[in-house]
């Protein structure tokens, strides 16, 4: 939407003063790599979740191995024992500000799968979205906590891992399984894929000096 010409003229001095000011300038964030975490005791549930995500934000760029998820028994009453976890990164980069909407979609998919899969547990699939930037891995949550920031519509965001000096670093609140080197190796592949995509996008931009 364009500003009225009078409004544009009125805001030009403000814009110029902001550019000359020592205060921080508002800059739109770069796109992030969309990451899904799926876990279940049923392999078909993980395949179904991957297919749903790829249909909306595909294709799947990277897919992790299956990891045994046995660091906690918190989910056993609703999901059963012998859980397996898998990550997959999607090809459509996202605006980090859209994470709450993605979380709402994954919640709907969880309910849909529980209704059609005819498994014996009330929650046969857990599907959570997040994103990776060159500096961090962020996960969405419906639960508030001291280290989580409210986004919108009942959804919070947590910086689960940070990346610095060539490796991933966890925090005191980071889930135990996210501290594993095996996870970090996959997240590094995701990070490298994102950086290459952003580099190519910058190179192909009409504003690029090489153009």
Foldseek 3Di string as FASTA:
>chain_A
DDDDPVVVVVCVVVVVVVVVDPDDDDDFDDFWWKKKKKKFQDPVQVVVVQVVCQVPQADWPDKADKDFDDPDCPCCQQGNHRMIMIMTIHDHTHRQLCQVVVQVVVVVVQCVCQVPVPDPGNGRMDMWMWTDELFFTKTKDLDDDPQWDDRDPSITMHGAWTDDPHFIDGDPPHDPVCVDPSVRVRVVVSHVVVVVVVVVCLVPDPPRPVD
